[in-house]
Amino acid sequence: MINFFRKLMKPKYETLNKIELDAKKIIFNYNFLQSQQGSAAIFPVLKSNAYGHGLKEVCQILNYSSAPMVIVDSFPEAQIAWKYFKRKVLILGEMPLKVYSYCNFKRSEFIVYNAETLKRLSRYGKKSQIHLFVNSGMNREGIKNLEEFLLINKKYLDRVEVVGLCSHLASAEEKSILNEAQEQEFAHCLEVLRSAGYFPRWIHLGNSAGLFTLTNKILTAYRPGLALYGYSPFSNPQNSELDLDAILQPGLKVISQVVSVQKILPGETVSYNESYQVDKETNIAIIPFGYFEGL
């Protein structure tokens, strides 16, 4: 009761800078991406606070989509996603092993990069649903020799449920020989996994760019991040058959207020270290952005 009255008495404060998120545009982007892949699922990537768009808010928006699962990076992000997204949460990042005991296994699936994580998750039995991450050529992390990994860790794999196989492209936004090699290696890994008696439902390699460039029909899911929020993943538009800059709709808008207008004479400078100099009489409008806002 005391807290209730405190809220009533508390002065209402509105900042000079605001961020607006347009739910209709996020859903439009999602539906467009889904339309490009037919029966393959779209797993929206919400890591890093949904690319700065607000993890809580984007989770709430995606409840109105058909996404079967969203992807986050860590346990703190997963806690927010469990609360605000109604369906499954795929945890992408590696975590301290003891953290897995705190996870909501009914709502979670986990990407596994190594034997240590697999062994820890095997403690929780079949309620541990995992996606094996293979190193198909990006060479940052993942299982390098899947056949050997399956042989050595069979007793642990049989205790969990292998529901996915995944990897990451090194240069998805560019046409390169490496992309083709990664696709081939990934397809080979899927054959190895199936030969060992594991038949994952989710087979995913493509990010936003890969959604438009990959040709292999074995994929059953894609992991778009940048495109979901309305931005083309192609720095060179010629690498895409579609004009994504014209199709995708940026979902975030930053709104501020002018707090000062300064008349600057020719030759005068503005800001620290004389970083800007005018060559003619100029009116400079100031908005309240600084270190706190990331500038």
C-alpha atoms as a PDB file:
ATOM      1  CA  MET A   1       0.000   0.000   0.000  1.00  0.00           C
ATOM      2  CA  ILE A   2       2.855   2.376   0.878  1.00  0.00           C
ATOM      3  CA  ASN A   3       4.496   1.708  -2.493  1.00  0.00           C
ATOM      4  CA  PHE A   4       1.197   2.461  -4.225  1.00  0.00           C
ATOM      5  CA  PHE A   5       1.000   5.906  -2.644  1.00  0.00           C
ATOM      6  CA  ARG A   6       4.671   6.521  -3.369  1.00  0.00           C
ATOM      7  CA  LYS A   7       3.958   5.985  -7.048  1.00  0.00           C
ATOM      8  CA  LEU A   8       1.068   8.453  -6.871  1.00  0.00           C
ATOM      9  CA  MET A   9       3.200  11.064  -5.139  1.00  0.00           C
ATOM     10  CA  LYS A  10       6.266  10.540  -7.304  1.00  0.00           C
ATOM     11  CA  PRO A  11       6.738  13.356  -9.826  1.00  0.00           C
ATOM     12  CA  LYS A  12       6.305  12.265 -13.423  1.00  0.00           C
ATOM     13  CA  TYR A  13       9.516  12.763 -15.345  1.00  0.00           C
ATOM     14  CA  GLU A  14       9.890  12.566 -19.106  1.00  0.00           C
ATOM     15  CA  THR A  15      13.312  12.571 -20.697  1.00  0.00           C
ATOM     16  CA  LEU A  16      14.259  14.849 -23.559  1.00  0.00           C
ATOM     17  CA  ASN A  17      15.330  11.839 -25.635  1.00  0.00           C
ATOM     18  CA  LYS A  18      12.945   9.038 -26.518  1.00  0.00           C
ATOM     19  CA  ILE A  19      13.042   5.843 -28.507  1.00  0.00           C
ATOM     20  CA  GLU A  20       9.892   4.695 -30.266  1.00  0.00           C
ATOM     21  CA  LEU A  21       9.494   1.131 -31.496  1.00  0.00           C
ATOM     22  CA  ASP A  22       6.921   0.473 -34.210  1.00  0.00           C
ATOM     23  CA  ALA A  23       5.404  -2.960 -33.620  1.00  0.00           C
ATOM     24  CA  LYS A  24       3.696  -3.020 -37.021  1.00  0.00           C
ATOM     25  CA  LYS A  25       7.031  -2.573 -38.790  1.00  0.00           C
ATOM     26  CA  ILE A  26       8.725  -5.343 -36.796  1.00  0.00           C
ATOM     27  CA  ILE A  27       5.849  -7.710 -37.618  1.00  0.00           C
ATOM     28  CA  PHE A  28       5.933  -6.612 -41.272  1.00  0.00           C
ATOM     29  CA  ASN A  29       9.641  -7.451 -41.459  1.00  0.00           C
ATOM     30  CA  TYR A  30       9.081 -10.794 -39.778  1.00  0.00           C
ATOM     31  CA  ASN A  31       6.259 -11.724 -42.168  1.00  0.00           C
ATOM     32  CA  PHE A  32       8.333 -10.652 -45.170  1.00  0.00           C
ATOM     33  CA  LEU A  33      11.277 -12.783 -44.063  1.00  0.00           C
ATOM     34  CA  GLN A  34       8.961 -15.712 -43.458  1.00  0.00           C
ATOM     35  CA  SER A  35       7.466 -15.300 -46.924  1.00  0.00           C
ATOM     36  CA  GLN A  36      10.937 -15.701 -48.450  1.00  0.00           C
ATOM     37  CA  GLN A  37      11.424 -19.148 -46.939  1.00  0.00           C
ATOM     38  CA  GLY A  38       8.068 -20.869 -47.076  1.00  0.00           C
ATOM     39  CA  SER A  39       7.997 -23.789 -44.677  1.00  0.00           C
ATOM     40  CA  ALA A  40      11.313 -22.994 -42.946  1.00  0.00           C
ATOM     41  CA  ALA A  41      10.928 -21.395 -39.527  1.00  0.00           C
ATOM     42  CA  ILE A  42      12.194 -17.940 -38.637  1.00  0.00           C
ATOM     43  CA  PHE A  43      14.018 -17.656 -35.298  1.00  0.00           C
ATOM     44  CA  PRO A  44      14.330 -13.914 -34.524  1.00  0.00           C
ATOM     45  CA  VAL A  45      17.678 -13.078 -32.936  1.00  0.00           C
ATOM     46  CA  LEU A  46      17.177 -10.869 -29.856  1.00  0.00           C
ATOM     47  CA  LYS A  47      20.692 -10.868 -28.425  1.00  0.00           C
ATOM     48  CA  SER A  48      22.271  -7.641 -27.162  1.00  0.00           C
ATOM     49  CA  ASN A  49      18.945  -6.244 -25.952  1.00  0.00           C
ATOM     50  CA  ALA A  50      17.322  -7.052 -29.313  1.00  0.00           C
ATOM     51  CA  TYR A  51      20.060  -5.144 -31.153  1.00  0.00           C
ATOM     52  CA  GLY A  52      19.315  -2.155 -28.937  1.00  0.00           C
ATOM     53  CA  HIS A  53      15.579  -2.175 -29.658  1.00  0.00           C
ATOM     54  CA  GLY A  54      14.545  -3.423 -26.214  1.00  0.00           C
ATOM     55  CA  LEU A  55      14.411  -7.144 -25.429  1.00  0.00           C
ATOM     56  CA  LYS A  56      11.230  -6.958 -23.378  1.00  0.00           C
ATOM     57  CA  GLU A  57       9.403  -4.884 -25.972  1.00  0.00           C
ATOM     58  CA  VAL A  58      10.453  -6.975 -28.982  1.00  0.00           C
ATOM     59  CA  CYS A  59       9.467 -10.172 -27.137  1.00  0.00           C
ATOM     60  CA  GLN A  60       6.012  -8.722 -26.554  1.00  0.00           C
ATOM     61  CA  ILE A  61       5.719  -7.715 -30.210  1.00  0.00           C
ATOM     62  CA  LEU A  62       6.796 -11.146 -31.482  1.00  0.00           C
ATOM     63  CA  ASN A  63       4.024 -12.823 -29.513  1.00  0.00           C
ATOM     64  CA  TYR A  64       1.876 -11.614 -32.418  1.00  0.00           C
ATOM     65  CA  SER A  65       4.075 -13.436 -34.932  1.00  0.00           C
ATOM     66  CA  SER A  66       4.274 -17.124 -35.791  1.00  0.00           C
ATOM     67  CA  ALA A  67       7.866 -17.424 -34.519  1.00  0.00           C
ATOM     68  CA  PRO A  68       8.203 -20.766 -32.690  1.00  0.00           C
ATOM     69  CA  MET A  69      11.342 -19.606 -30.907  1.00  0.00           C
ATOM     70  CA  VAL A  70      13.467 -16.516 -30.257  1.00  0.00           C
ATOM     71  CA  ILE A  71      17.226 -16.489 -29.773  1.00  0.00           C
ATOM     72  CA  VAL A  72      19.058 -14.778 -26.918  1.00  0.00           C
ATOM     73  CA  ASP A  73      22.685 -14.801 -25.881  1.00  0.00           C
ATOM     74  CA  SER A  74      22.740 -15.489 -22.163  1.00  0.00           C
ATOM     75  CA  PHE A  75      20.924 -16.379 -18.957  1.00  0.00           C
ATOM     76  CA  PRO A  76      20.088 -12.747 -18.048  1.00  0.00           C
ATOM     77  CA  GLU A  77      18.530 -12.257 -21.491  1.00  0.00           C
ATOM     78  CA  ALA A  78      16.730 -15.598 -21.235  1.00  0.00           C
ATOM     79  CA  GLN A  79      15.091 -14.527 -17.962  1.00  0.00           C
ATOM     80  CA  ILE A  80      13.495 -11.582 -19.754  1.00  0.00           C
ATOM     81  CA  ALA A  81      12.492 -13.692 -22.770  1.00  0.00           C
ATOM     82  CA  TRP A  82      10.882 -16.388 -20.592  1.00  0.00           C
ATOM     83  CA  LYS A  83       8.777 -13.695 -18.968  1.00  0.00           C
ATOM     84  CA  TYR A  84       7.661 -11.761 -22.029  1.00  0.00           C
ATOM     85  CA  PHE A  85       7.728 -14.259 -24.935  1.00  0.00           C
ATOM     86  CA  LYS A  86       5.151 -17.035 -24.848  1.00  0.00           C
ATOM     87  CA  ARG A  87       7.022 -19.734 -26.740  1.00  0.00           C
ATOM     88  CA  LYS A  88      10.491 -21.312 -26.752  1.00  0.00           C
ATOM     89  CA  VAL A  89      13.799 -19.520 -26.124  1.00  0.00           C
ATOM     90  CA  LEU A  90      17.042 -20.714 -27.725  1.00  0.00           C
ATOM     91  CA  ILE A  91      20.122 -19.696 -25.739  1.00  0.00           C
ATOM     92  CA  LEU A  92      22.905 -18.998 -28.207  1.00  0.00           C
ATOM     93  CA  GLY A  93      25.889 -18.125 -26.047  1.00  0.00           C
ATOM     94  CA  GLU A  94      28.131 -20.234 -23.886  1.00  0.00           C
ATOM     95  CA  MET A  95      27.523 -19.788 -20.172  1.00  0.00           C
ATOM     96  CA  PRO A  96      29.162 -20.747 -16.887  1.00  0.00           C
ATOM     97  CA  LEU A  97      28.254 -24.414 -16.440  1.00  0.00           C
ATOM     98  CA  LYS A  98      26.518 -23.966 -13.086  1.00  0.00           C
ATOM     99  CA  VAL A  99      24.083 -21.474 -14.650  1.00  0.00           C
ATOM    100  CA  TYR A 100      22.293 -24.250 -16.550  1.00  0.00           C
ATOM    101  CA  SER A 101      20.756 -25.499 -13.288  1.00  0.00           C
ATOM    102  CA  TYR A 102      18.829 -22.209 -13.038  1.00  0.00           C
ATOM    103  CA  CYS A 103      17.306 -22.451 -16.517  1.00  0.00           C
ATOM    104  CA  ASN A 104      13.665 -23.030 -17.399  1.00  0.00           C
ATOM    105  CA  PHE A 105      14.066 -26.299 -19.303  1.00  0.00           C
ATOM    106  CA  LYS A 106      10.416 -26.415 -20.371  1.00  0.00           C
ATOM    107  CA  ARG A 107      10.856 -23.160 -22.245  1.00  0.00           C
ATOM    108  CA  SER A 108      14.474 -23.482 -23.372  1.00  0.00           C
ATOM    109  CA  GLU A 109      16.733 -25.066 -25.930  1.00  0.00           C
ATOM    110  CA  PHE A 110      20.512 -24.735 -25.865  1.00  0.00           C
ATOM    111  CA  ILE A 111      23.256 -24.434 -28.464  1.00  0.00           C
ATOM    112  CA  VAL A 112      26.169 -26.721 -27.573  1.00  0.00           C
ATOM    113  CA  TYR A 113      29.681 -25.970 -28.834  1.00  0.00           C
ATOM    114  CA  ASN A 114      31.776 -28.422 -26.825  1.00  0.00           C
ATOM    115  CA  ALA A 115      31.861 -31.599 -24.755  1.00  0.00           C
ATOM    116  CA  GLU A 116      31.965 -29.772 -21.405  1.00  0.00           C
ATOM    117  CA  THR A 117      28.597 -28.104 -21.980  1.00  0.00           C
ATOM    118  CA  LEU A 118      27.123 -31.343 -23.322  1.00  0.00           C
ATOM    119  CA  LYS A 119      28.240 -33.266 -20.239  1.00  0.00           C
ATOM    120  CA  ARG A 120      26.681 -30.673 -17.931  1.00  0.00           C
ATOM    121  CA  LEU A 121      23.373 -30.659 -19.813  1.00  0.00           C
ATOM    122  CA  SER A 122      23.279 -34.467 -19.835  1.00  0.00           C
ATOM    123  CA  ARG A 123      22.747 -34.295 -16.059  1.00  0.00           C
ATOM    124  CA  TYR A 124      19.226 -33.025 -16.689  1.00  0.00           C
ATOM    125  CA  GLY A 125      18.248 -35.885 -18.998  1.00  0.00           C
ATOM    126  CA  LYS A 126      15.860 -35.656 -21.908  1.00  0.00           C
ATOM    127  CA  LYS A 127      14.518 -32.306 -20.790  1.00  0.00           C
ATOM    128  CA  SER A 128      17.791 -30.874 -22.168  1.00  0.00           C
ATOM    129  CA  GLN A 129      17.033 -30.079 -25.801  1.00  0.00           C
ATOM    130  CA  ILE A 130      20.207 -29.156 -27.635  1.00  0.00           C
ATOM    131  CA  HIS A 131      21.389 -27.839 -30.986  1.00  0.00           C
ATOM    132  CA  LEU A 132      24.894 -29.031 -31.875  1.00  0.00           C
ATOM    133  CA  PHE A 133      27.000 -26.209 -33.309  1.00  0.00           C
ATOM    134  CA  VAL A 134      29.564 -27.373 -35.849  1.00  0.00           C
ATOM    135  CA  ASN A 135      32.527 -25.360 -37.100  1.00  0.00           C
ATOM    136  CA  SER A 136      31.802 -25.282 -40.821  1.00  0.00           C
ATOM    137  CA  GLY A 137      34.560 -22.808 -41.650  1.00  0.00           C
ATOM    138  CA  MET A 138      34.176 -19.618 -39.622  1.00  0.00           C
ATOM    139  CA  ASN A 139      36.772 -21.024 -37.205  1.00  0.00           C
ATOM    140  CA  ARG A 140      35.748 -19.173 -34.058  1.00  0.00           C
ATOM    141  CA  GLU A 141      34.023 -21.930 -32.117  1.00  0.00           C
ATOM    142  CA  GLY A 142      32.129 -25.156 -32.540  1.00  0.00           C
ATOM    143  CA  ILE A 143      32.714 -28.848 -33.125  1.00  0.00           C
ATOM    144  CA  LYS A 144      35.456 -29.327 -35.710  1.00  0.00           C
ATOM    145  CA  ASN A 145      35.237 -33.089 -36.199  1.00  0.00           C
ATOM    146  CA  LEU A 146      31.606 -34.084 -35.686  1.00  0.00           C
ATOM    147  CA  GLU A 147      32.133 -37.788 -36.377  1.00  0.00           C
ATOM    148  CA  GLU A 148      34.773 -38.028 -33.650  1.00  0.00           C
ATOM    149  CA  PHE A 149      32.691 -35.881 -31.277  1.00  0.00           C
ATOM    150  CA  LEU A 150      29.679 -38.198 -31.683  1.00  0.00           C
ATOM    151  CA  LEU A 151      31.799 -41.289 -31.065  1.00  0.00           C
ATOM    152  CA  ILE A 152      33.507 -39.962 -27.943  1.00  0.00           C
ATOM    153  CA  ASN A 153      30.389 -38.416 -26.407  1.00  0.00           C
ATOM    154  CA  LYS A 154      27.705 -40.931 -27.378  1.00  0.00           C
ATOM    155  CA  LYS A 155      26.702 -41.744 -23.792  1.00  0.00           C
ATOM    156  CA  TYR A 156      26.096 -38.065 -23.067  1.00  0.00           C
ATOM    157  CA  LEU A 157      24.271 -37.430 -26.337  1.00  0.00           C
ATOM    158  CA  ASP A 158      21.910 -40.319 -25.627  1.00  0.00           C
ATOM    159  CA  ARG A 159      20.906 -38.718 -22.334  1.00  0.00           C
ATOM    160  CA  VAL A 160      19.754 -35.476 -23.965  1.00  0.00           C
ATOM    161  CA  GLU A 161      17.512 -34.719 -26.946  1.00  0.00           C
ATOM    162  CA  VAL A 162      19.356 -33.537 -30.043  1.00  0.00           C
ATOM    163  CA  VAL A 163      16.780 -31.292 -31.689  1.00  0.00           C
ATOM    164  CA  GLY A 164      19.034 -29.094 -33.805  1.00  0.00           C
ATOM    165  CA  LEU A 165      22.174 -28.770 -35.910  1.00  0.00           C
ATOM    166  CA  CYS A 166      23.574 -25.334 -36.626  1.00  0.00           C
ATOM    167  CA  SER A 167      26.570 -23.290 -37.717  1.00  0.00           C
ATOM    168  CA  HIS A 168      27.365 -19.745 -38.846  1.00  0.00           C
ATOM    169  CA  LEU A 169      28.492 -18.329 -42.174  1.00  0.00           C
ATOM    170  CA  ALA A 170      31.656 -16.242 -42.259  1.00  0.00           C
ATOM    171  CA  SER A 171      30.660 -14.014 -45.202  1.00  0.00           C
ATOM    172  CA  ALA A 172      26.968 -14.491 -45.814  1.00  0.00           C
ATOM    173  CA  GLU A 173      26.518 -11.054 -47.383  1.00  0.00           C
ATOM    174  CA  GLU A 174      29.131 -11.739 -50.069  1.00  0.00           C
ATOM    175  CA  LYS A 175      29.374 -14.267 -52.854  1.00  0.00           C
ATOM    176  CA  SER A 176      32.435 -16.309 -51.996  1.00  0.00           C
ATOM    177  CA  ILE A 177      33.954 -19.744 -52.378  1.00  0.00           C
ATOM    178  CA  LEU A 178      33.979 -20.055 -48.586  1.00  0.00           C
ATOM    179  CA  ASN A 179      30.184 -19.791 -48.462  1.00  0.00           C
ATOM    180  CA  GLU A 180      29.842 -22.705 -50.861  1.00  0.00           C
ATOM    181  CA  ALA A 181      32.393 -24.704 -48.906  1.00  0.00           C
ATOM    182  CA  GLN A 182      30.565 -24.014 -45.642  1.00  0.00           C
ATOM    183  CA  GLU A 183      27.245 -25.114 -47.128  1.00  0.00           C
ATOM    184  CA  GLN A 184      28.830 -28.348 -48.311  1.00  0.00           C
ATOM    185  CA  GLU A 185      30.530 -28.991 -44.971  1.00  0.00           C
ATOM    186  CA  PHE A 186      27.296 -28.314 -43.106  1.00  0.00           C
ATOM    187  CA  ALA A 187      25.364 -30.714 -45.346  1.00  0.00           C
ATOM    188  CA  HIS A 188      28.056 -33.333 -44.720  1.00  0.00           C
ATOM    189  CA  CYS A 189      27.712 -32.832 -40.961  1.00  0.00           C
ATOM    190  CA  LEU A 190      23.975 -33.404 -41.206  1.00  0.00           C
ATOM    191  CA  GLU A 191      24.603 -36.712 -43.002  1.00  0.00           C
ATOM    192  CA  VAL A 192      27.080 -37.718 -40.294  1.00  0.00           C
ATOM    193  CA  LEU A 193      24.584 -36.847 -37.564  1.00  0.00           C
ATOM    194  CA  ARG A 194      21.769 -38.784 -39.192  1.00  0.00           C
ATOM    195  CA  SER A 195      24.033 -41.769 -39.824  1.00  0.00           C
ATOM    196  CA  ALA A 196      24.758 -41.824 -36.097  1.00  0.00           C
ATOM    197  CA  GLY A 197      21.032 -42.076 -35.351  1.00  0.00           C
ATOM    198  CA  TYR A 198      20.208 -38.439 -34.530  1.00  0.00           C
ATOM    199  CA  PHE A 199      17.542 -36.677 -36.559  1.00  0.00           C
ATOM    200  CA  PRO A 200      17.298 -33.002 -35.612  1.00  0.00           C
ATOM    201  CA  ARG A 201      14.159 -31.038 -36.371  1.00  0.00           C
ATOM    202  CA  TRP A 202      15.908 -27.695 -36.612  1.00  0.00           C
ATOM    203  CA  ILE A 203      18.696 -27.344 -39.189  1.00  0.00           C
ATOM    204  CA  HIS A 204      19.926 -23.747 -39.370  1.00  0.00           C
ATOM    205  CA  LEU A 205      22.938 -22.052 -40.925  1.00  0.00           C
ATOM    206  CA  GLY A 206      21.661 -18.751 -42.287  1.00  0.00           C
ATOM    207  CA  ASN A 207      21.575 -15.328 -40.676  1.00  0.00           C
ATOM    208  CA  SER A 208      19.822 -12.308 -42.271  1.00  0.00           C
ATOM    209  CA  ALA A 209      21.993 -12.378 -45.392  1.00  0.00           C
ATOM    210  CA  GLY A 210      22.013 -16.169 -45.552  1.00  0.00           C
ATOM    211  CA  LEU A 211      18.238 -16.133 -45.663  1.00  0.00           C
ATOM    212  CA  PHE A 212      18.529 -14.603 -49.139  1.00  0.00           C
ATOM    213  CA  THR A 213      21.702 -16.286 -50.410  1.00  0.00           C
ATOM    214  CA  LEU A 214      21.677 -19.897 -49.231  1.00  0.00           C
ATOM    215  CA  THR A 215      20.341 -22.411 -51.729  1.00  0.00           C
ATOM    216  CA  ASN A 216      20.503 -25.685 -49.803  1.00  0.00           C
ATOM    217  CA  LYS A 217      17.029 -27.155 -49.271  1.00  0.00           C
ATOM    218  CA  ILE A 218      18.004 -29.058 -46.119  1.00  0.00           C
ATOM    219  CA  LEU A 219      17.575 -25.991 -43.903  1.00  0.00           C
ATOM    220  CA  THR A 220      14.467 -25.899 -41.729  1.00  0.00           C
ATOM    221  CA  ALA A 221      15.117 -22.595 -39.911  1.00  0.00           C
ATOM    222  CA  TYR A 222      16.897 -19.253 -40.297  1.00  0.00           C
ATOM    223  CA  ARG A 223      18.246 -16.795 -37.709  1.00  0.00           C
ATOM    224  CA  PRO A 224      17.690 -13.203 -38.912  1.00  0.00           C
ATOM    225  CA  GLY A 225      18.822 -10.338 -36.723  1.00  0.00           C
ATOM    226  CA  LEU A 226      19.524  -7.136 -38.646  1.00  0.00           C
ATOM    227  CA  ALA A 227      16.777  -7.713 -41.231  1.00  0.00           C
ATOM    228  CA  LEU A 228      14.150  -8.243 -38.541  1.00  0.00           C
ATOM    229  CA  TYR A 229      14.693  -4.689 -37.349  1.00  0.00           C
ATOM    230  CA  GLY A 230      14.397  -3.268 -40.855  1.00  0.00           C
ATOM    231  CA  TYR A 231      17.934  -3.051 -42.189  1.00  0.00           C
ATOM    232  CA  SER A 232      19.480  -4.748 -45.194  1.00  0.00           C
ATOM    233  CA  PRO A 233      22.398  -7.032 -44.271  1.00  0.00           C
ATOM    234  CA  PHE A 234      24.071  -6.283 -47.607  1.00  0.00           C
ATOM    235  CA  SER A 235      26.619  -3.470 -47.643  1.00  0.00           C
ATOM    236  CA  ASN A 236      26.685  -3.919 -51.428  1.00  0.00           C
ATOM    237  CA  PRO A 237      23.041  -3.927 -52.687  1.00  0.00           C
ATOM    238  CA  GLN A 238      24.158  -5.762 -55.831  1.00  0.00           C
ATOM    239  CA  ASN A 239      24.713  -8.901 -53.735  1.00  0.00           C
ATOM    240  CA  SER A 240      20.955  -9.230 -53.267  1.00  0.00           C
ATOM    241  CA  GLU A 241      18.342  -9.845 -55.947  1.00  0.00           C
ATOM    242  CA  LEU A 242      15.852  -7.798 -53.908  1.00  0.00           C
ATOM    243  CA  ASP A 243      16.022  -4.110 -53.017  1.00  0.00           C
ATOM    244  CA  LEU A 244      15.902  -4.769 -49.285  1.00  0.00           C
ATOM    245  CA  ASP A 245      16.522  -1.117 -48.425  1.00  0.00           C
ATOM    246  CA  ALA A 246      13.207  -0.342 -50.099  1.00  0.00           C
ATOM    247  CA  ILE A 247      11.306  -3.344 -48.690  1.00  0.00           C
ATOM    248  CA  LEU A 248      12.370  -3.634 -45.062  1.00  0.00           C
ATOM    249  CA  GLN A 249      10.973  -1.098 -42.606  1.00  0.00           C
ATOM    250  CA  PRO A 250      13.226   0.216 -39.809  1.00  0.00           C
ATOM    251  CA  GLY A 251      11.316  -0.334 -36.590  1.00  0.00           C
ATOM    252  CA  LEU A 252      13.105   2.144 -34.338  1.00  0.00           C
ATOM    253  CA  LYS A 253      12.907   5.917 -34.212  1.00  0.00           C
ATOM    254  CA  VAL A 254      14.949   8.243 -31.982  1.00  0.00           C
ATOM    255  CA  ILE A 255      13.220  11.473 -30.991  1.00  0.00           C
ATOM    256  CA  SER A 256      14.909  14.389 -29.271  1.00  0.00           C
ATOM    257  CA  GLN A 257      14.451  18.109 -28.654  1.00  0.00           C
ATOM    258  CA  VAL A 258      16.499  21.117 -29.615  1.00  0.00           C
ATOM    259  CA  VAL A 259      17.757  22.659 -26.369  1.00  0.00           C
ATOM    260  CA  SER A 260      19.897  25.409 -27.831  1.00  0.00           C
ATOM    261  CA  VAL A 261      20.531  27.260 -31.081  1.00  0.00           C
ATOM    262  CA  GLN A 262      23.904  28.970 -31.450  1.00  0.00           C
ATOM    263  CA  LYS A 263      24.862  31.436 -34.177  1.00  0.00           C
ATOM    264  CA  ILE A 264      28.430  30.595 -35.230  1.00  0.00           C
ATOM    265  CA  LEU A 265      30.521  33.052 -37.230  1.00  0.00           C
ATOM    266  CA  PRO A 266      32.936  32.093 -40.049  1.00  0.00           C
ATOM    267  CA  GLY A 267      36.106  30.511 -38.690  1.00  0.00           C
ATOM    268  CA  GLU A 268      34.619  29.651 -35.277  1.00  0.00           C
ATOM    269  CA  THR A 269      34.657  26.079 -33.996  1.00  0.00           C
ATOM    270  CA  VAL A 270      32.194  23.868 -32.172  1.00  0.00           C
ATOM    271  CA  SER A 271      32.675  21.379 -29.341  1.00  0.00           C
ATOM    272  CA  TYR A 272      35.733  19.694 -27.813  1.00  0.00           C
ATOM    273  CA  ASN A 273      39.088  19.857 -29.583  1.00  0.00           C
ATOM    274  CA  GLU A 274      37.638  22.310 -32.108  1.00  0.00           C
ATOM    275  CA  SER A 275      36.253  19.273 -33.909  1.00  0.00           C
ATOM    276  CA  TYR A 276      33.956  21.241 -36.230  1.00  0.00           C
ATOM    277  CA  GLN A 277      34.696  24.539 -37.959  1.00  0.00           C
ATOM    278  CA  VAL A 278      32.295  26.590 -40.029  1.00  0.00           C
ATOM    279  CA  ASP A 279      33.308  28.530 -43.140  1.00  0.00           C
ATOM    280  CA  LYS A 280      30.211  30.752 -43.163  1.00  0.00           C
ATOM    281  CA  GLU A 281      27.709  32.118 -40.675  1.00  0.00           C
ATOM    282  CA  THR A 282      25.806  29.083 -39.415  1.00  0.00           C
ATOM    283  CA  ASN A 283      23.066  28.307 -36.957  1.00  0.00           C
ATOM    284  CA  ILE A 284      23.947  25.225 -34.887  1.00  0.00           C
ATOM    285  CA  ALA A 285      21.097  23.321 -33.228  1.00  0.00           C
ATOM    286  CA  ILE A 286      22.011  21.372 -30.084  1.00  0.00           C
ATOM    287  CA  ILE A 287      20.252  18.219 -28.906  1.00  0.00           C
ATOM    288  CA  PRO A 288      20.993  16.602 -25.520  1.00  0.00           C
ATOM    289  CA  PHE A 289      23.019  13.602 -26.675  1.00  0.00           C
ATOM    290  CA  GLY A 290      26.308  12.619 -25.089  1.00  0.00           C
ATOM    291  CA  TYR A 291      28.258   9.735 -23.583  1.00  0.00           C
ATOM    292  CA  PHE A 292      25.223   8.327 -21.807  1.00  0.00           C
ATOM    293  CA  GLU A 293      23.403   8.012 -25.110  1.00  0.00           C
ATOM    294  CA  GLY A 294      26.394   6.336 -26.704  1.00  0.00           C
ATOM    295  CA  LEU A 295      27.754   9.286 -28.674  1.00  0.00           C
END
